[in-house]
Amino acid sequence: MITSMAFTVYPVSDMARSRAFYEHVLGLPVSDNYRDVWVEYAFGDSTFAITTTDMGHTPGAKGAVVAFEVSDLDAFVHKMKERAVPFVTETFDTPVCRMAVIEDPDGNHITIHKRHQ
């Protein structure tokens, strides 16, 4: 029986560049770092990781997408635009949330998300 999701991971091509993006642009706190080839960011009940290890996945390949919940979507979108983060999709509404999609330095898509209260 599956009880929870352990982690989500994105392959990246340049760890230093990717860490700068995830830590300094998005503001994710490092929770674990394994030899600078696998870096984890834990928050809430989730863990997001980036890796340069060859796991048979191509950085920037289109496929699954991680979504990060934010406390204030408009403020976060504004901050990302100030930091020249590329937007794949501008902010839009759904019946359950508002969201936008940005890209990391490898072209991996990241959904920034705010549930309706």
C-alpha atoms as a PDB file:
ATOM      1  CA  MET A   1       0.000   0.000   0.000  1.00  0.00           C
ATOM      2  CA  ILE A   2       1.346   3.437  -0.922  1.00  0.00           C
ATOM      3  CA  THR A   3       1.186   5.811   2.044  1.00  0.00           C
ATOM      4  CA  SER A   4       2.825   8.989   0.691  1.00  0.00           C
ATOM      5  CA  MET A   5       5.082  10.406  -1.995  1.00  0.00           C
ATOM      6  CA  ALA A   6       8.732  10.226  -0.950  1.00  0.00           C
ATOM      7  CA  PHE A   7      10.141  12.842  -3.319  1.00  0.00           C
ATOM      8  CA  THR A   8       9.990  14.442  -6.736  1.00  0.00           C
ATOM      9  CA  VAL A   9      13.270  14.902  -8.642  1.00  0.00           C
ATOM     10  CA  TYR A  10      14.344  16.889 -11.685  1.00  0.00           C
ATOM     11  CA  PRO A  11      17.507  16.033 -13.615  1.00  0.00           C
ATOM     12  CA  VAL A  12      19.703  19.083 -14.171  1.00  0.00           C
ATOM     13  CA  SER A  13      22.790  19.651 -16.300  1.00  0.00           C
ATOM     14  CA  ASP A  14      24.696  22.119 -14.080  1.00  0.00           C
ATOM     15  CA  MET A  15      24.340  21.758 -10.309  1.00  0.00           C
ATOM     16  CA  ALA A  16      25.775  25.168  -9.390  1.00  0.00           C
ATOM     17  CA  ARG A  17      23.500  26.985 -11.837  1.00  0.00           C
ATOM     18  CA  SER A  18      20.463  24.960 -10.756  1.00  0.00           C
ATOM     19  CA  ARG A  19      21.164  25.440  -7.043  1.00  0.00           C
ATOM     20  CA  ALA A  20      21.459  29.190  -7.601  1.00  0.00           C
ATOM     21  CA  PHE A  21      18.032  29.150  -9.274  1.00  0.00           C
ATOM     22  CA  TYR A  22      16.214  26.940  -6.757  1.00  0.00           C
ATOM     23  CA  GLU A  23      17.821  28.440  -3.651  1.00  0.00           C
ATOM     24  CA  HIS A  24      18.295  32.106  -4.535  1.00  0.00           C
ATOM     25  CA  VAL A  25      15.594  32.752  -7.132  1.00  0.00           C
ATOM     26  CA  LEU A  26      12.832  30.477  -5.779  1.00  0.00           C
ATOM     27  CA  GLY A  27      14.063  30.569  -2.170  1.00  0.00           C
ATOM     28  CA  LEU A  28      13.983  26.832  -1.413  1.00  0.00           C
ATOM     29  CA  PRO A  29      15.949  25.784   1.710  1.00  0.00           C
ATOM     30  CA  VAL A  30      18.429  22.887   1.322  1.00  0.00           C
ATOM     31  CA  SER A  31      17.578  19.963   3.585  1.00  0.00           C
ATOM     32  CA  ASP A  32      20.150  17.410   2.313  1.00  0.00           C
ATOM     33  CA  ASN A  33      23.098  17.460  -0.057  1.00  0.00           C
ATOM     34  CA  TYR A  34      24.739  14.252  -1.234  1.00  0.00           C
ATOM     35  CA  ARG A  35      28.152  15.086  -2.736  1.00  0.00           C
ATOM     36  CA  ASP A  36      26.618  17.971  -4.703  1.00  0.00           C
ATOM     37  CA  VAL A  37      25.135  15.499  -7.220  1.00  0.00           C
ATOM     38  CA  TRP A  38      21.791  15.106  -5.381  1.00  0.00           C
ATOM     39  CA  VAL A  39      20.359  18.076  -3.467  1.00  0.00           C
ATOM     40  CA  GLU A  40      17.054  17.945  -1.588  1.00  0.00           C
ATOM     41  CA  TYR A  41      14.658  20.674  -0.494  1.00  0.00           C
ATOM     42  CA  ALA A  42      12.150  19.510   2.149  1.00  0.00           C
ATOM     43  CA  PHE A  43       9.082  21.509   3.146  1.00  0.00           C
ATOM     44  CA  GLY A  44       5.769  20.414   4.589  1.00  0.00           C
ATOM     45  CA  ASP A  45       5.240  16.738   3.819  1.00  0.00           C
ATOM     46  CA  SER A  46       7.144  16.954   0.531  1.00  0.00           C
ATOM     47  CA  THR A  47      10.696  16.737  -0.726  1.00  0.00           C
ATOM     48  CA  PHE A  48      11.876  18.106  -4.051  1.00  0.00           C
ATOM     49  CA  ALA A  49      15.324  17.118  -5.348  1.00  0.00           C
ATOM     50  CA  ILE A  50      17.647  18.030  -8.208  1.00  0.00           C
ATOM     51  CA  THR A  51      20.371  15.742  -9.517  1.00  0.00           C
ATOM     52  CA  THR A  52      23.172  15.581 -12.046  1.00  0.00           C
ATOM     53  CA  THR A  53      23.437  11.790 -11.765  1.00  0.00           C
ATOM     54  CA  ASP A  54      22.613   9.919 -14.950  1.00  0.00           C
ATOM     55  CA  MET A  55      19.343   8.191 -14.142  1.00  0.00           C
ATOM     56  CA  GLY A  56      18.256   7.821 -17.756  1.00  0.00           C
ATOM     57  CA  HIS A  57      16.412  11.148 -17.730  1.00  0.00           C
ATOM     58  CA  THR A  58      17.265  14.217 -19.789  1.00  0.00           C
ATOM     59  CA  PRO A  59      17.346  17.651 -18.129  1.00  0.00           C
ATOM     60  CA  GLY A  60      14.562  19.796 -19.527  1.00  0.00           C
ATOM     61  CA  ALA A  61      12.692  16.856 -21.091  1.00  0.00           C
ATOM     62  CA  LYS A  62       8.975  17.468 -21.127  1.00  0.00           C
ATOM     63  CA  GLY A  63       7.048  15.145 -18.869  1.00  0.00           C
ATOM     64  CA  ALA A  64       5.928  15.309 -15.239  1.00  0.00           C
ATOM     65  CA  VAL A  65       5.811  18.763 -13.651  1.00  0.00           C
ATOM     66  CA  VAL A  66       6.330  19.789 -10.045  1.00  0.00           C
ATOM     67  CA  ALA A  67       3.890  22.313  -8.540  1.00  0.00           C
ATOM     68  CA  PHE A  68       4.889  24.506  -5.597  1.00  0.00           C
ATOM     69  CA  GLU A  69       2.154  26.029  -3.440  1.00  0.00           C
ATOM     70  CA  VAL A  70       2.839  29.694  -2.613  1.00  0.00           C
ATOM     71  CA  SER A  71       1.227  31.936  -0.006  1.00  0.00           C
ATOM     72  CA  ASP A  72       0.726  34.900  -2.375  1.00  0.00           C
ATOM     73  CA  LEU A  73       0.687  34.036  -6.080  1.00  0.00           C
ATOM     74  CA  ASP A  74       0.637  37.624  -7.357  1.00  0.00           C
ATOM     75  CA  ALA A  75       3.636  38.607  -5.212  1.00  0.00           C
ATOM     76  CA  PHE A  76       5.555  35.482  -6.229  1.00  0.00           C
ATOM     77  CA  VAL A  77       4.830  36.047  -9.931  1.00  0.00           C
ATOM     78  CA  HIS A  78       5.994  39.650  -9.563  1.00  0.00           C
ATOM     79  CA  LYS A  79       9.244  38.505  -7.898  1.00  0.00           C
ATOM     80  CA  MET A  80       9.885  35.946 -10.668  1.00  0.00           C
ATOM     81  CA  LYS A  81       9.353  38.602 -13.347  1.00  0.00           C
ATOM     82  CA  GLU A  82      11.749  40.957 -11.539  1.00  0.00           C
ATOM     83  CA  ARG A  83      14.318  38.148 -11.597  1.00  0.00           C
ATOM     84  CA  ALA A  84      13.754  37.563 -15.350  1.00  0.00           C
ATOM     85  CA  VAL A  85      12.518  33.989 -14.863  1.00  0.00           C
ATOM     86  CA  PRO A  86      10.991  32.710 -18.135  1.00  0.00           C
ATOM     87  CA  PHE A  87       7.220  32.155 -18.046  1.00  0.00           C
ATOM     88  CA  VAL A  88       5.720  29.273 -20.027  1.00  0.00           C
ATOM     89  CA  THR A  89       2.174  30.231 -19.014  1.00  0.00           C
ATOM     90  CA  GLU A  90       1.020  33.453 -17.406  1.00  0.00           C
ATOM     91  CA  THR A  91      -1.280  33.343 -14.380  1.00  0.00           C
ATOM     92  CA  PHE A  92      -4.662  31.736 -14.997  1.00  0.00           C
ATOM     93  CA  ASP A  93      -7.625  30.570 -12.926  1.00  0.00           C
ATOM     94  CA  THR A  94      -9.152  27.123 -12.555  1.00  0.00           C
ATOM     95  CA  PRO A  95     -12.136  26.107 -10.420  1.00  0.00           C
ATOM     96  CA  VAL A  96      -9.790  25.094  -7.569  1.00  0.00           C
ATOM     97  CA  CYS A  97      -6.745  27.355  -7.903  1.00  0.00           C
ATOM     98  CA  ARG A  98      -4.742  30.055  -9.662  1.00  0.00           C
ATOM     99  CA  MET A  99      -1.394  29.156 -11.203  1.00  0.00           C
ATOM    100  CA  ALA A 100       1.376  30.047 -13.621  1.00  0.00           C
ATOM    101  CA  VAL A 101       4.189  27.987 -15.139  1.00  0.00           C
ATOM    102  CA  ILE A 102       7.857  29.023 -15.169  1.00  0.00           C
ATOM    103  CA  GLU A 103      11.085  27.346 -16.361  1.00  0.00           C
ATOM    104  CA  ASP A 104      14.302  26.514 -14.544  1.00  0.00           C
ATOM    105  CA  PRO A 105      17.685  26.989 -16.302  1.00  0.00           C
ATOM    106  CA  ASP A 106      17.362  23.559 -18.011  1.00  0.00           C
ATOM    107  CA  GLY A 107      13.836  24.231 -19.268  1.00  0.00           C
ATOM    108  CA  ASN A 108      12.119  22.039 -16.653  1.00  0.00           C
ATOM    109  CA  HIS A 109       8.600  23.389 -16.057  1.00  0.00           C
ATOM    110  CA  ILE A 110       7.606  24.493 -12.556  1.00  0.00           C
ATOM    111  CA  THR A 111       4.014  25.301 -11.688  1.00  0.00           C
ATOM    112  CA  ILE A 112       3.553  27.981  -9.053  1.00  0.00           C
ATOM    113  CA  HIS A 113       0.174  27.450  -7.470  1.00  0.00           C
ATOM    114  CA  LYS A 114      -2.295  28.964  -5.006  1.00  0.00           C
ATOM    115  CA  ARG A 115      -5.430  27.085  -3.992  1.00  0.00           C
ATOM    116  CA  HIS A 116      -8.642  29.081  -3.660  1.00  0.00           C
ATOM    117  CA  GLN A 117      -9.509  29.523   0.015  1.00  0.00           C
END
